[in-house]
Amino acid sequence: MNKKAVVLLSGGLDSTTVLYHALEKGYSCSCLLFDYGQRHRKELKSAVRIAKKNRCEYRIVKIKLPWSESSLTDAQQVLPADLKITARSAGRKTTSLPSTYVPGRNTIFLAFALSYSETIRAGTIFIGANAVDYSGYPDCRPDYYIAWNRLLKSLGAKIKIQAPLIRLDKAGIVKLGSRLGIPFELTWSCYKGGRRPCGVCDSCRFRQKGFREAGLSGK
């Protein structure tokens, strides 16, 4: 069995949990990080620290999405801070997307990961997508990854995409991360890049919800 893997690592809670999960499963992991014009670099810096801590090879891919109108890539936009997270729990589909959605982001990331996997002969791509406590993005749902693997199989590619957190809620992810010994203090989830997490953006609130429901204290 090919135990070499490419891990999409953002430096956030979910992707870090996936990296530690893959390492526990005995995979030799190469991390792929993306500088895609996000409004701050704190998460990217966290990803570098986490990759280095685990002695994983890592590459930073710099890309530009000049057509993106997401509030994650346009610093002139105001980040949403009044969204109701309960409306996007339990994997429910929503009719509208938050301004933080970056069109096609996971599709672009996975395409790069596929190219990288073929180059280094990795058999697995790990991604921290989650379809329970998430912001309603269409590329974070189980069907999306089922379709990707069907495509890869039809092309004869000997690579499979794994999204082990896809059906876990944030509390489940925090509990898994705690068992794996993740240094939560090194991860960064906030959409803002200040000295401390803002505590009010979607990502912060999902993270807080996860730690609270898991019965653990965390940043």
N, C-alpha and C. Protein backbone atom coordinates (compact mmCIF):
# COMPACT_ATOMS: atom_id res chain seq x y z
N MET A 1 0.84 -1.20 0.00
CA MET A 1 0.00 0.00 0.00
C MET A 1 0.88 1.25 0.00
N ASN A 2 0.51 2.22 -0.85
CA ASN A 2 1.25 3.47 -0.92
C ASN A 2 0.89 4.33 0.29
N LYS A 3 1.87 4.55 1.18
CA LYS A 3 1.62 5.31 2.40
C LYS A 3 2.19 6.72 2.32
N LYS A 4 2.37 7.22 1.11
CA LYS A 4 2.82 8.60 0.94
C LYS A 4 1.58 9.45 0.66
N ALA A 5 1.50 10.59 1.32
CA ALA A 5 0.30 11.42 1.19
C ALA A 5 0.65 12.90 1.06
N VAL A 6 -0.25 13.61 0.39
CA VAL A 6 -0.21 15.07 0.33
C VAL A 6 -1.33 15.58 1.22
N VAL A 7 -1.00 16.47 2.14
CA VAL A 7 -1.98 17.03 3.06
C VAL A 7 -2.15 18.52 2.75
N LEU A 8 -3.39 18.92 2.49
CA LEU A 8 -3.68 20.34 2.30
C LEU A 8 -3.73 20.98 3.70
N LEU A 9 -2.74 21.80 3.99
CA LEU A 9 -2.59 22.35 5.34
C LEU A 9 -2.75 23.86 5.32
N SER A 10 -3.78 24.35 5.98
CA SER A 10 -4.01 25.80 6.04
C SER A 10 -3.48 26.42 7.32
N GLY A 11 -3.30 25.58 8.35
CA GLY A 11 -2.89 26.09 9.65
C GLY A 11 -4.04 26.24 10.61
N GLY A 12 -5.25 25.94 10.14
CA GLY A 12 -6.43 26.00 10.98
C GLY A 12 -6.64 24.71 11.75
N LEU A 13 -7.69 24.69 12.56
CA LEU A 13 -8.00 23.53 13.40
C LEU A 13 -8.23 22.27 12.58
N ASP A 14 -9.06 22.36 11.54
CA ASP A 14 -9.44 21.17 10.79
C ASP A 14 -8.27 20.56 10.02
N SER A 15 -7.55 21.37 9.27
CA SER A 15 -6.46 20.84 8.45
C SER A 15 -5.34 20.29 9.32
N THR A 16 -5.11 20.91 10.49
CA THR A 16 -4.08 20.41 11.40
C THR A 16 -4.49 19.06 11.97
N THR A 17 -5.77 18.91 12.30
CA THR A 17 -6.27 17.63 12.79
C THR A 17 -6.09 16.55 11.74
N VAL A 18 -6.34 16.90 10.48
CA VAL A 18 -6.17 15.93 9.40
C VAL A 18 -4.71 15.52 9.26
N LEU A 19 -3.79 16.47 9.36
CA LEU A 19 -2.37 16.13 9.28
C LEU A 19 -1.99 15.14 10.37
N TYR A 20 -2.38 15.43 11.60
CA TYR A 20 -2.06 14.54 12.72
C TYR A 20 -2.73 13.17 12.55
N HIS A 21 -3.93 13.16 12.01
CA HIS A 21 -4.63 11.90 11.73
C HIS A 21 -3.84 11.07 10.72
N ALA A 22 -3.40 11.72 9.64
CA ALA A 22 -2.64 11.01 8.61
C ALA A 22 -1.32 10.47 9.16
N LEU A 23 -0.66 11.27 9.97
CA LEU A 23 0.60 10.83 10.58
C LEU A 23 0.37 9.63 11.50
N GLU A 24 -0.73 9.67 12.26
CA GLU A 24 -1.03 8.55 13.14
C GLU A 24 -1.29 7.27 12.34
N LYS A 25 -1.87 7.43 11.16
CA LYS A 25 -2.16 6.27 10.31
C LYS A 25 -0.92 5.76 9.59
N GLY A 26 0.22 6.39 9.84
CA GLY A 26 1.47 5.89 9.28
C GLY A 26 1.84 6.46 7.92
N TYR A 27 1.17 7.54 7.51
CA TYR A 27 1.49 8.14 6.22
C TYR A 27 2.72 9.03 6.33
N SER A 28 3.52 9.03 5.30
CA SER A 28 4.60 9.99 5.15
C SER A 28 4.00 11.20 4.44
N CYS A 29 3.92 12.31 5.14
CA CYS A 29 3.13 13.45 4.66
C CYS A 29 3.97 14.59 4.10
N SER A 30 3.55 15.06 2.95
CA SER A 30 4.07 16.29 2.37
C SER A 30 2.93 17.30 2.38
N CYS A 31 3.18 18.46 2.95
CA CYS A 31 2.11 19.44 3.12
C CYS A 31 2.11 20.47 1.99
N LEU A 32 0.91 20.80 1.54
CA LEU A 32 0.74 21.80 0.50
C LEU A 32 0.00 22.99 1.09
N LEU A 33 0.64 24.15 1.07
CA LEU A 33 0.10 25.38 1.64
C LEU A 33 -0.18 26.36 0.50
N PHE A 34 -1.19 27.19 0.67
CA PHE A 34 -1.56 28.12 -0.39
C PHE A 34 -1.57 29.56 0.08
N ASP A 35 -0.87 30.39 -0.67
CA ASP A 35 -0.93 31.83 -0.50
C ASP A 35 -1.74 32.34 -1.68
N TYR A 36 -3.05 32.55 -1.46
CA TYR A 36 -3.94 32.87 -2.57
C TYR A 36 -4.49 34.30 -2.47
N GLY A 37 -3.75 35.13 -1.74
CA GLY A 37 -4.18 36.52 -1.61
C GLY A 37 -5.11 36.76 -0.45
N GLN A 38 -5.11 35.85 0.52
CA GLN A 38 -5.96 36.04 1.69
C GLN A 38 -5.55 37.31 2.44
N ARG A 39 -6.48 37.88 3.18
CA ARG A 39 -6.30 39.21 3.75
C ARG A 39 -5.27 39.23 4.88
N HIS A 40 -4.85 38.11 5.38
CA HIS A 40 -3.76 38.09 6.37
C HIS A 40 -2.95 36.80 6.19
N ARG A 41 -1.79 36.75 6.82
CA ARG A 41 -0.88 35.61 6.66
C ARG A 41 -0.72 34.81 7.95
N LYS A 42 -1.52 35.08 8.97
CA LYS A 42 -1.34 34.40 10.23
C LYS A 42 -1.59 32.90 10.12
N GLU A 43 -2.64 32.52 9.39
CA GLU A 43 -2.94 31.11 9.23
C GLU A 43 -1.83 30.41 8.45
N LEU A 44 -1.32 31.08 7.43
CA LEU A 44 -0.24 30.51 6.63
C LEU A 44 1.02 30.31 7.48
N LYS A 45 1.32 31.29 8.33
CA LYS A 45 2.48 31.17 9.23
C LYS A 45 2.27 30.02 10.21
N SER A 46 1.04 29.83 10.66
CA SER A 46 0.73 28.72 11.55
C SER A 46 0.97 27.39 10.85
N ALA A 47 0.57 27.31 9.58
CA ALA A 47 0.77 26.09 8.82
C ALA A 47 2.25 25.74 8.70
N VAL A 48 3.07 26.75 8.46
CA VAL A 48 4.52 26.51 8.36
C VAL A 48 5.06 25.97 9.68
N ARG A 49 4.65 26.59 10.79
CA ARG A 49 5.12 26.15 12.10
C ARG A 49 4.70 24.70 12.38
N ILE A 50 3.47 24.37 12.02
CA ILE A 50 2.95 23.03 12.28
C ILE A 50 3.66 21.99 11.41
N ALA A 51 3.90 22.32 10.15
CA ALA A 51 4.63 21.39 9.27
C ALA A 51 6.04 21.16 9.79
N LYS A 52 6.71 22.23 10.18
CA LYS A 52 8.07 22.11 10.71
C LYS A 52 8.09 21.31 12.00
N LYS A 53 7.13 21.53 12.87
CA LYS A 53 7.06 20.82 14.15
C LYS A 53 7.00 19.32 13.92
N ASN A 54 6.31 18.91 12.85
CA ASN A 54 6.15 17.49 12.56
C ASN A 54 7.17 16.98 11.54
N ARG A 55 8.15 17.84 11.22
CA ARG A 55 9.22 17.49 10.30
C ARG A 55 8.68 17.00 8.95
N CYS A 56 7.63 17.68 8.51
CA CYS A 56 7.01 17.35 7.22
C CYS A 56 7.54 18.29 6.14
N GLU A 57 7.83 17.73 4.99
CA GLU A 57 8.15 18.58 3.86
C GLU A 57 6.94 19.45 3.54
N TYR A 58 7.18 20.68 3.16
CA TYR A 58 6.04 21.52 2.79
C TYR A 58 6.41 22.43 1.62
N ARG A 59 5.41 22.79 0.87
CA ARG A 59 5.55 23.72 -0.24
C ARG A 59 4.46 24.76 -0.15
N ILE A 60 4.82 26.00 -0.40
CA ILE A 60 3.84 27.09 -0.44
C ILE A 60 3.58 27.43 -1.91
N VAL A 61 2.34 27.32 -2.32
CA VAL A 61 1.95 27.63 -3.69
C VAL A 61 1.31 29.01 -3.69
N LYS A 62 1.88 29.93 -4.43
CA LYS A 62 1.35 31.28 -4.51
C LYS A 62 0.52 31.42 -5.79
N ILE A 63 -0.74 31.72 -5.62
CA ILE A 63 -1.62 31.90 -6.77
C ILE A 63 -2.40 33.21 -6.59
N LYS A 64 -3.01 33.65 -7.67
CA LYS A 64 -3.77 34.89 -7.62
C LYS A 64 -5.16 34.66 -8.19
N LEU A 65 -6.15 35.16 -7.49
CA LEU A 65 -7.54 35.05 -7.94
C LEU A 65 -8.10 36.46 -8.12
N PRO A 66 -7.72 37.14 -9.20
CA PRO A 66 -8.09 38.55 -9.37
C PRO A 66 -9.59 38.79 -9.50
N TRP A 67 -10.35 37.74 -9.79
CA TRP A 67 -11.79 37.90 -9.95
C TRP A 67 -12.56 37.64 -8.65
N SER A 68 -11.86 37.18 -7.62
CA SER A 68 -12.54 36.85 -6.37
C SER A 68 -13.07 38.10 -5.68
N GLU A 69 -14.33 38.03 -5.26
CA GLU A 69 -14.94 39.12 -4.52
C GLU A 69 -15.19 38.71 -3.07
N SER A 70 -14.52 37.64 -2.65
CA SER A 70 -14.69 37.15 -1.30
C SER A 70 -14.12 38.13 -0.28
N SER A 71 -14.75 38.20 0.88
CA SER A 71 -14.22 39.06 1.94
C SER A 71 -12.94 38.48 2.54
N LEU A 72 -12.60 37.25 2.18
CA LEU A 72 -11.33 36.67 2.63
C LEU A 72 -10.16 37.15 1.79
N THR A 73 -10.44 37.62 0.57
CA THR A 73 -9.37 38.08 -0.31
C THR A 73 -9.43 39.57 -0.59
N ASP A 74 -10.51 40.21 -0.19
CA ASP A 74 -10.66 41.65 -0.41
C ASP A 74 -10.71 42.36 0.93
N ALA A 75 -9.60 42.98 1.30
CA ALA A 75 -9.50 43.64 2.61
C ALA A 75 -10.43 44.84 2.74
N GLN A 76 -10.99 45.31 1.60
CA GLN A 76 -11.90 46.45 1.65
C GLN A 76 -13.29 46.04 2.13
N GLN A 77 -13.58 44.75 2.05
CA GLN A 77 -14.90 44.28 2.48
C GLN A 77 -14.92 44.06 3.98
N VAL A 78 -16.08 44.20 4.55
CA VAL A 78 -16.26 43.95 5.98
C VAL A 78 -16.58 42.47 6.18
N LEU A 79 -15.83 41.84 7.06
CA LEU A 79 -16.09 40.43 7.35
C LEU A 79 -17.41 40.29 8.10
N PRO A 80 -18.23 39.32 7.74
CA PRO A 80 -19.51 39.13 8.43
C PRO A 80 -19.28 38.72 9.87
N ALA A 81 -20.07 39.26 10.77
CA ALA A 81 -19.91 38.94 12.18
C ALA A 81 -21.24 38.66 12.87
N ASP A 82 -22.32 38.55 12.08
CA ASP A 82 -23.62 38.37 12.70
C ASP A 82 -24.37 37.18 12.11
N LEU A 83 -23.60 36.22 11.56
CA LEU A 83 -24.23 35.07 10.94
C LEU A 83 -24.69 34.07 12.00
N LYS A 84 -25.79 33.42 11.76
CA LYS A 84 -26.30 32.43 12.69
C LYS A 84 -25.73 31.06 12.33
N ILE A 85 -24.84 30.58 13.14
CA ILE A 85 -24.16 29.32 12.82
C ILE A 85 -25.11 28.13 12.88
N THR A 86 -26.18 28.22 13.65
CA THR A 86 -27.07 27.09 13.76
C THR A 86 -27.75 26.78 12.44
N ALA A 87 -27.88 27.74 11.56
CA ALA A 87 -28.53 27.53 10.27
C ALA A 87 -27.67 26.72 9.32
N ARG A 88 -26.38 26.59 9.65
CA ARG A 88 -25.50 25.84 8.77
C ARG A 88 -24.89 24.66 9.50
N SER A 89 -25.59 24.15 10.49
CA SER A 89 -25.15 22.96 11.18
C SER A 89 -25.83 21.74 10.57
N ALA A 90 -25.35 20.58 10.96
CA ALA A 90 -25.90 19.30 10.52
C ALA A 90 -25.88 19.13 9.01
N GLY A 91 -24.97 19.81 8.34
CA GLY A 91 -24.79 19.61 6.92
C GLY A 91 -25.92 20.13 6.06
N ARG A 92 -26.73 21.04 6.57
CA ARG A 92 -27.85 21.55 5.79
C ARG A 92 -27.37 22.45 4.67
N LYS A 93 -27.99 22.32 3.53
CA LYS A 93 -27.65 23.19 2.42
C LYS A 93 -28.34 24.54 2.61
N THR A 94 -27.67 25.59 2.24
CA THR A 94 -28.24 26.92 2.39
C THR A 94 -28.46 27.53 1.01
N THR A 95 -29.38 28.48 0.95
CA THR A 95 -29.70 29.10 -0.33
C THR A 95 -28.75 30.23 -0.67
N SER A 96 -28.06 30.76 0.33
CA SER A 96 -27.11 31.84 0.07
C SER A 96 -25.78 31.50 0.72
N LEU A 97 -24.73 32.07 0.17
CA LEU A 97 -23.39 31.80 0.68
C LEU A 97 -22.86 33.04 1.38
N PRO A 98 -22.09 32.85 2.45
CA PRO A 98 -21.51 34.01 3.13
C PRO A 98 -20.46 34.67 2.25
N SER A 99 -20.14 35.91 2.55
CA SER A 99 -19.17 36.65 1.74
C SER A 99 -17.77 36.06 1.83
N THR A 100 -17.54 35.17 2.79
CA THR A 100 -16.22 34.55 2.95
C THR A 100 -15.98 33.42 1.96
N TYR A 101 -17.00 33.04 1.21
CA TYR A 101 -16.83 31.97 0.22
C TYR A 101 -15.91 32.43 -0.90
N VAL A 102 -14.88 31.62 -1.19
CA VAL A 102 -13.97 31.87 -2.31
C VAL A 102 -14.33 30.88 -3.41
N PRO A 103 -14.94 31.34 -4.51
CA PRO A 103 -15.43 30.44 -5.56
C PRO A 103 -14.36 29.48 -6.07
N GLY A 104 -14.70 28.18 -6.01
CA GLY A 104 -13.83 27.16 -6.58
C GLY A 104 -12.55 26.91 -5.81
N ARG A 105 -12.44 27.42 -4.59
CA ARG A 105 -11.15 27.32 -3.89
C ARG A 105 -10.68 25.88 -3.70
N ASN A 106 -11.56 25.02 -3.18
CA ASN A 106 -11.13 23.64 -2.96
C ASN A 106 -10.87 22.90 -4.26
N THR A 107 -11.60 23.25 -5.31
CA THR A 107 -11.36 22.64 -6.62
C THR A 107 -9.96 23.00 -7.11
N ILE A 108 -9.59 24.27 -6.95
CA ILE A 108 -8.26 24.72 -7.35
C ILE A 108 -7.19 24.04 -6.51
N PHE A 109 -7.40 24.00 -5.19
CA PHE A 109 -6.42 23.39 -4.29
C PHE A 109 -6.22 21.91 -4.61
N LEU A 110 -7.33 21.21 -4.85
CA LEU A 110 -7.23 19.78 -5.13
C LEU A 110 -6.54 19.51 -6.47
N ALA A 111 -6.75 20.38 -7.44
CA ALA A 111 -6.07 20.22 -8.72
C ALA A 111 -4.55 20.32 -8.54
N PHE A 112 -4.12 21.30 -7.74
CA PHE A 112 -2.70 21.41 -7.43
C PHE A 112 -2.21 20.18 -6.66
N ALA A 113 -3.01 19.73 -5.70
CA ALA A 113 -2.63 18.56 -4.90
C ALA A 113 -2.52 17.31 -5.76
N LEU A 114 -3.40 17.19 -6.75
CA LEU A 114 -3.33 16.06 -7.66
C LEU A 114 -2.03 16.08 -8.46
N SER A 115 -1.69 17.25 -8.98
CA SER A 115 -0.44 17.39 -9.74
C SER A 115 0.77 17.06 -8.86
N TYR A 116 0.76 17.58 -7.64
CA TYR A 116 1.86 17.34 -6.71
C TYR A 116 1.93 15.86 -6.35
N SER A 117 0.77 15.23 -6.12
CA SER A 117 0.74 13.81 -5.76
C SER A 117 1.31 12.94 -6.88
N GLU A 118 0.97 13.26 -8.11
CA GLU A 118 1.51 12.50 -9.23
C GLU A 118 3.02 12.67 -9.33
N THR A 119 3.49 13.88 -9.03
CA THR A 119 4.93 14.17 -9.13
C THR A 119 5.73 13.40 -8.09
N ILE A 120 5.23 13.36 -6.85
CA ILE A 120 5.99 12.68 -5.78
C ILE A 120 5.50 11.25 -5.55
N ARG A 121 4.57 10.81 -6.39
CA ARG A 121 4.03 9.45 -6.33
C ARG A 121 3.34 9.16 -5.00
N ALA A 122 2.53 10.09 -4.58
CA ALA A 122 1.71 9.89 -3.38
C ALA A 122 0.39 9.25 -3.78
N GLY A 123 -0.12 8.39 -2.92
CA GLY A 123 -1.37 7.68 -3.25
C GLY A 123 -2.61 8.29 -2.63
N THR A 124 -2.43 9.26 -1.73
CA THR A 124 -3.57 9.82 -1.01
C THR A 124 -3.43 11.33 -0.87
N ILE A 125 -4.56 12.01 -1.00
CA ILE A 125 -4.64 13.44 -0.71
C ILE A 125 -5.58 13.60 0.47
N PHE A 126 -5.12 14.26 1.52
CA PHE A 126 -5.95 14.52 2.69
C PHE A 126 -6.38 15.98 2.70
N ILE A 127 -7.67 16.20 3.02
CA ILE A 127 -8.20 17.55 3.11
C ILE A 127 -9.11 17.63 4.33
N GLY A 128 -9.12 18.77 5.01
CA GLY A 128 -9.90 18.93 6.24
C GLY A 128 -11.30 19.45 6.04
N ALA A 129 -11.93 19.10 4.95
CA ALA A 129 -13.29 19.56 4.69
C ALA A 129 -14.26 18.99 5.72
N ASN A 130 -15.27 19.78 6.05
CA ASN A 130 -16.26 19.39 7.05
C ASN A 130 -17.65 19.84 6.62
N ALA A 131 -18.62 18.95 6.74
CA ALA A 131 -19.97 19.25 6.25
C ALA A 131 -21.01 19.34 7.36
N VAL A 132 -20.56 19.48 8.61
CA VAL A 132 -21.51 19.57 9.71
C VAL A 132 -21.49 20.99 10.28
N ASP A 133 -20.47 21.34 11.06
CA ASP A 133 -20.33 22.71 11.55
C ASP A 133 -19.41 23.45 10.59
N TYR A 134 -20.00 24.10 9.59
CA TYR A 134 -19.21 24.77 8.57
C TYR A 134 -20.00 25.95 8.05
N SER A 135 -19.45 26.69 7.11
CA SER A 135 -20.08 27.93 6.65
C SER A 135 -20.97 27.76 5.43
N GLY A 136 -21.30 26.52 5.07
CA GLY A 136 -22.23 26.29 3.97
C GLY A 136 -21.60 26.28 2.61
N TYR A 137 -20.28 26.19 2.51
CA TYR A 137 -19.61 26.19 1.21
C TYR A 137 -19.95 24.91 0.43
N PRO A 138 -20.25 25.01 -0.86
CA PRO A 138 -20.63 23.83 -1.64
C PRO A 138 -19.50 22.82 -1.81
N ASP A 139 -18.24 23.25 -1.68
CA ASP A 139 -17.13 22.32 -1.86
C ASP A 139 -16.65 21.74 -0.53
N CYS A 140 -17.56 21.73 0.46
CA CYS A 140 -17.27 21.09 1.74
C CYS A 140 -18.28 19.98 2.04
N ARG A 141 -18.96 19.48 1.02
CA ARG A 141 -20.00 18.48 1.20
C ARG A 141 -19.53 17.11 0.72
N PRO A 142 -20.04 16.04 1.32
CA PRO A 142 -19.60 14.68 0.95
C PRO A 142 -19.71 14.37 -0.53
N ASP A 143 -20.81 14.77 -1.18
CA ASP A 143 -21.00 14.45 -2.59
C ASP A 143 -19.88 15.02 -3.47
N TYR A 144 -19.34 16.15 -3.06
CA TYR A 144 -18.27 16.79 -3.83
C TYR A 144 -17.04 15.88 -3.88
N TYR A 145 -16.71 15.25 -2.76
CA TYR A 145 -15.52 14.39 -2.70
C TYR A 145 -15.78 13.02 -3.29
N ILE A 146 -17.02 12.56 -3.19
CA ILE A 146 -17.39 11.31 -3.87
C ILE A 146 -17.21 11.49 -5.39
N ALA A 147 -17.65 12.65 -5.89
CA ALA A 147 -17.52 12.92 -7.33
C ALA A 147 -16.05 13.00 -7.74
N TRP A 148 -15.23 13.64 -6.93
CA TRP A 148 -13.79 13.73 -7.22
C TRP A 148 -13.17 12.33 -7.32
N ASN A 149 -13.48 11.46 -6.37
CA ASN A 149 -12.88 10.12 -6.39
C ASN A 149 -13.40 9.27 -7.55
N ARG A 150 -14.65 9.49 -7.93
CA ARG A 150 -15.17 8.79 -9.11
C ARG A 150 -14.42 9.25 -10.36
N LEU A 151 -14.17 10.55 -10.44
CA LEU A 151 -13.42 11.08 -11.58
C LEU A 151 -12.01 10.50 -11.62
N LEU A 152 -11.33 10.50 -10.49
CA LEU A 152 -9.97 9.96 -10.45
C LEU A 152 -9.95 8.48 -10.84
N LYS A 153 -10.94 7.74 -10.35
CA LYS A 153 -11.01 6.32 -10.69
C LYS A 153 -11.25 6.12 -12.18
N SER A 154 -12.13 6.95 -12.76
CA SER A 154 -12.44 6.82 -14.19
C SER A 154 -11.24 7.14 -15.06
N LEU A 155 -10.34 7.99 -14.53
CA LEU A 155 -9.14 8.36 -15.27
C LEU A 155 -8.00 7.37 -15.05
N GLY A 156 -8.25 6.40 -14.17
CA GLY A 156 -7.21 5.41 -13.90
C GLY A 156 -6.13 5.92 -12.95
N ALA A 157 -6.38 7.05 -12.29
CA ALA A 157 -5.39 7.60 -11.35
C ALA A 157 -5.35 6.75 -10.09
N LYS A 158 -4.15 6.46 -9.63
CA LYS A 158 -3.99 5.66 -8.42
C LYS A 158 -3.86 6.57 -7.20
N ILE A 159 -4.76 7.51 -7.13
CA ILE A 159 -4.76 8.50 -6.05
C ILE A 159 -6.20 8.61 -5.52
N LYS A 160 -6.32 8.65 -4.22
CA LYS A 160 -7.64 8.80 -3.61
C LYS A 160 -7.65 10.01 -2.68
N ILE A 161 -8.75 10.74 -2.67
CA ILE A 161 -8.92 11.87 -1.77
C ILE A 161 -9.64 11.40 -0.52
N GLN A 162 -9.09 11.72 0.63
CA GLN A 162 -9.73 11.39 1.90
C GLN A 162 -10.07 12.67 2.65
N ALA A 163 -11.30 12.73 3.14
CA ALA A 163 -11.76 13.85 3.95
C ALA A 163 -12.30 13.27 5.26
N PRO A 164 -11.41 12.85 6.15
CA PRO A 164 -11.83 12.10 7.35
C PRO A 164 -12.69 12.87 8.33
N LEU A 165 -12.75 14.19 8.22
CA LEU A 165 -13.55 14.99 9.15
C LEU A 165 -14.91 15.35 8.57
N ILE A 166 -15.23 14.88 7.39
CA ILE A 166 -16.36 15.37 6.63
C ILE A 166 -17.69 15.30 7.39
N ARG A 167 -17.86 14.28 8.23
CA ARG A 167 -19.14 14.13 8.93
C ARG A 167 -19.03 14.37 10.45
N LEU A 168 -17.91 14.94 10.88
CA LEU A 168 -17.75 15.26 12.30
C LEU A 168 -18.20 16.68 12.58
N ASP A 169 -18.80 16.89 13.75
CA ASP A 169 -19.05 18.27 14.15
C ASP A 169 -17.78 18.82 14.78
N LYS A 170 -17.77 20.12 15.09
CA LYS A 170 -16.55 20.72 15.61
C LYS A 170 -16.13 20.11 16.95
N ALA A 171 -17.10 19.73 17.78
CA ALA A 171 -16.76 19.09 19.05
C ALA A 171 -16.02 17.77 18.79
N GLY A 172 -16.48 17.03 17.81
CA GLY A 172 -15.82 15.77 17.47
C GLY A 172 -14.42 15.99 16.95
N ILE A 173 -14.24 17.07 16.19
CA ILE A 173 -12.91 17.39 15.66
C ILE A 173 -11.98 17.80 16.80
N VAL A 174 -12.48 18.60 17.74
CA VAL A 174 -11.67 19.01 18.88
C VAL A 174 -11.27 17.80 19.72
N LYS A 175 -12.21 16.89 19.95
CA LYS A 175 -11.91 15.69 20.73
C LYS A 175 -10.86 14.83 20.03
N LEU A 176 -10.99 14.68 18.72
CA LEU A 176 -10.01 13.92 17.96
C LEU A 176 -8.65 14.60 18.03
N GLY A 177 -8.64 15.91 17.85
CA GLY A 177 -7.40 16.66 17.91
C GLY A 177 -6.73 16.54 19.26
N SER A 178 -7.53 16.56 20.32
CA SER A 178 -7.00 16.43 21.66
C SER A 178 -6.36 15.06 21.85
N ARG A 179 -7.03 14.03 21.38
CA ARG A 179 -6.47 12.67 21.49
C ARG A 179 -5.17 12.53 20.72
N LEU A 180 -5.07 13.23 19.58
CA LEU A 180 -3.88 13.14 18.74
C LEU A 180 -2.74 14.03 19.26
N GLY A 181 -3.04 14.85 20.28
CA GLY A 181 -2.00 15.70 20.85
C GLY A 181 -1.69 16.94 20.05
N ILE A 182 -2.69 17.47 19.37
CA ILE A 182 -2.48 18.67 18.57
C ILE A 182 -2.15 19.87 19.46
N PRO A 183 -1.15 20.65 19.09
CA PRO A 183 -0.87 21.90 19.82
C PRO A 183 -1.85 22.97 19.35
N PHE A 184 -3.03 22.99 19.94
CA PHE A 184 -4.08 23.91 19.50
C PHE A 184 -3.62 25.36 19.47
N GLU A 185 -2.68 25.69 20.36
CA GLU A 185 -2.23 27.07 20.45
C GLU A 185 -1.47 27.51 19.20
N LEU A 186 -1.01 26.56 18.39
CA LEU A 186 -0.30 26.90 17.16
C LEU A 186 -1.24 27.12 15.99
N THR A 187 -2.49 26.67 16.12
CA THR A 187 -3.44 26.79 15.01
C THR A 187 -4.11 28.16 15.02
N TRP A 188 -4.57 28.57 13.86
CA TRP A 188 -5.26 29.86 13.73
C TRP A 188 -6.48 29.67 12.84
N SER A 189 -7.64 30.04 13.35
CA SER A 189 -8.89 29.87 12.61
C SER A 189 -9.57 31.17 12.25
N CYS A 190 -9.27 32.24 12.96
CA CYS A 190 -9.97 33.52 12.78
C CYS A 190 -9.78 34.09 11.37
N TYR A 191 -10.86 34.63 10.82
CA TYR A 191 -10.78 35.25 9.49
C TYR A 191 -9.98 36.55 9.51
N LYS A 192 -9.83 37.13 10.71
CA LYS A 192 -9.04 38.35 10.83
C LYS A 192 -7.61 38.00 11.23
N GLY A 193 -6.72 38.91 11.03
CA GLY A 193 -5.31 38.64 11.30
C GLY A 193 -4.74 39.43 12.45
N GLY A 194 -5.53 39.73 13.45
CA GLY A 194 -5.06 40.51 14.59
C GLY A 194 -4.17 39.71 15.52
N ARG A 195 -3.83 40.31 16.63
CA ARG A 195 -2.99 39.63 17.61
C ARG A 195 -3.75 38.51 18.29
N ARG A 196 -5.07 38.68 18.42
CA ARG A 196 -5.90 37.67 19.04
C ARG A 196 -7.11 37.39 18.13
N PRO A 197 -7.67 36.19 18.21
CA PRO A 197 -8.88 35.90 17.43
C PRO A 197 -9.99 36.87 17.77
N CYS A 198 -10.77 37.27 16.77
CA CYS A 198 -11.82 38.27 16.99
C CYS A 198 -12.96 37.74 17.84
N GLY A 199 -13.23 36.44 17.74
CA GLY A 199 -14.28 35.82 18.55
C GLY A 199 -15.68 35.98 18.01
N VAL A 200 -15.85 36.71 16.91
CA VAL A 200 -17.20 36.95 16.39
C VAL A 200 -17.41 36.48 14.95
N CYS A 201 -16.36 36.22 14.22
CA CYS A 201 -16.54 35.75 12.83
C CYS A 201 -17.03 34.31 12.84
N ASP A 202 -17.54 33.85 11.72
CA ASP A 202 -18.06 32.49 11.59
C ASP A 202 -17.07 31.45 12.10
N SER A 203 -15.83 31.56 11.62
CA SER A 203 -14.82 30.56 11.95
C SER A 203 -14.53 30.54 13.45
N CYS A 204 -14.41 31.70 14.05
CA CYS A 204 -14.18 31.78 15.50
C CYS A 204 -15.34 31.15 16.27
N ARG A 205 -16.54 31.43 15.84
CA ARG A 205 -17.71 30.94 16.58
C ARG A 205 -17.86 29.43 16.46
N PHE A 206 -17.57 28.88 15.29
CA PHE A 206 -17.60 27.42 15.16
C PHE A 206 -16.53 26.79 16.04
N ARG A 207 -15.35 27.40 16.08
CA ARG A 207 -14.26 26.88 16.90
C ARG A 207 -14.64 26.93 18.38
N GLN A 208 -15.18 28.07 18.83
CA GLN A 208 -15.60 28.19 20.22
C GLN A 208 -16.67 27.16 20.57
N LYS A 209 -17.61 26.98 19.65
CA LYS A 209 -18.68 26.00 19.84
C LYS A 209 -18.10 24.60 20.02
N GLY A 210 -17.07 24.27 19.20
CA GLY A 210 -16.46 22.96 19.27
C GLY A 210 -15.78 22.71 20.61
N PHE A 211 -14.99 23.67 21.06
CA PHE A 211 -14.29 23.51 22.34
C PHE A 211 -15.29 23.46 23.50
N ARG A 212 -16.31 24.31 23.42
CA ARG A 212 -17.32 24.34 24.49
C ARG A 212 -18.04 23.01 24.59
N GLU A 213 -18.50 22.47 23.45
CA GLU A 213 -19.25 21.22 23.46
C GLU A 213 -18.38 20.02 23.75
N ALA A 214 -17.07 20.15 23.48
CA ALA A 214 -16.14 19.06 23.79
C ALA A 214 -15.72 19.08 25.26
N GLY A 215 -16.10 20.15 25.96
CA GLY A 215 -15.75 20.27 27.37
C GLY A 215 -14.29 20.58 27.59
N LEU A 216 -13.68 21.26 26.61
CA LEU A 216 -12.26 21.59 26.70
C LEU A 216 -12.09 23.10 26.58
N SER A 217 -11.08 23.61 27.20
CA SER A 217 -10.77 25.02 27.02
C SER A 217 -9.81 25.14 25.86
N GLY A 218 -9.95 26.17 25.06
CA GLY A 218 -9.08 26.33 23.91
C GLY A 218 -9.12 27.74 23.38
N LYS A 219 -8.20 28.06 22.54
CA LYS A 219 -8.12 29.39 21.97
C LYS A 219 -8.97 29.46 20.72
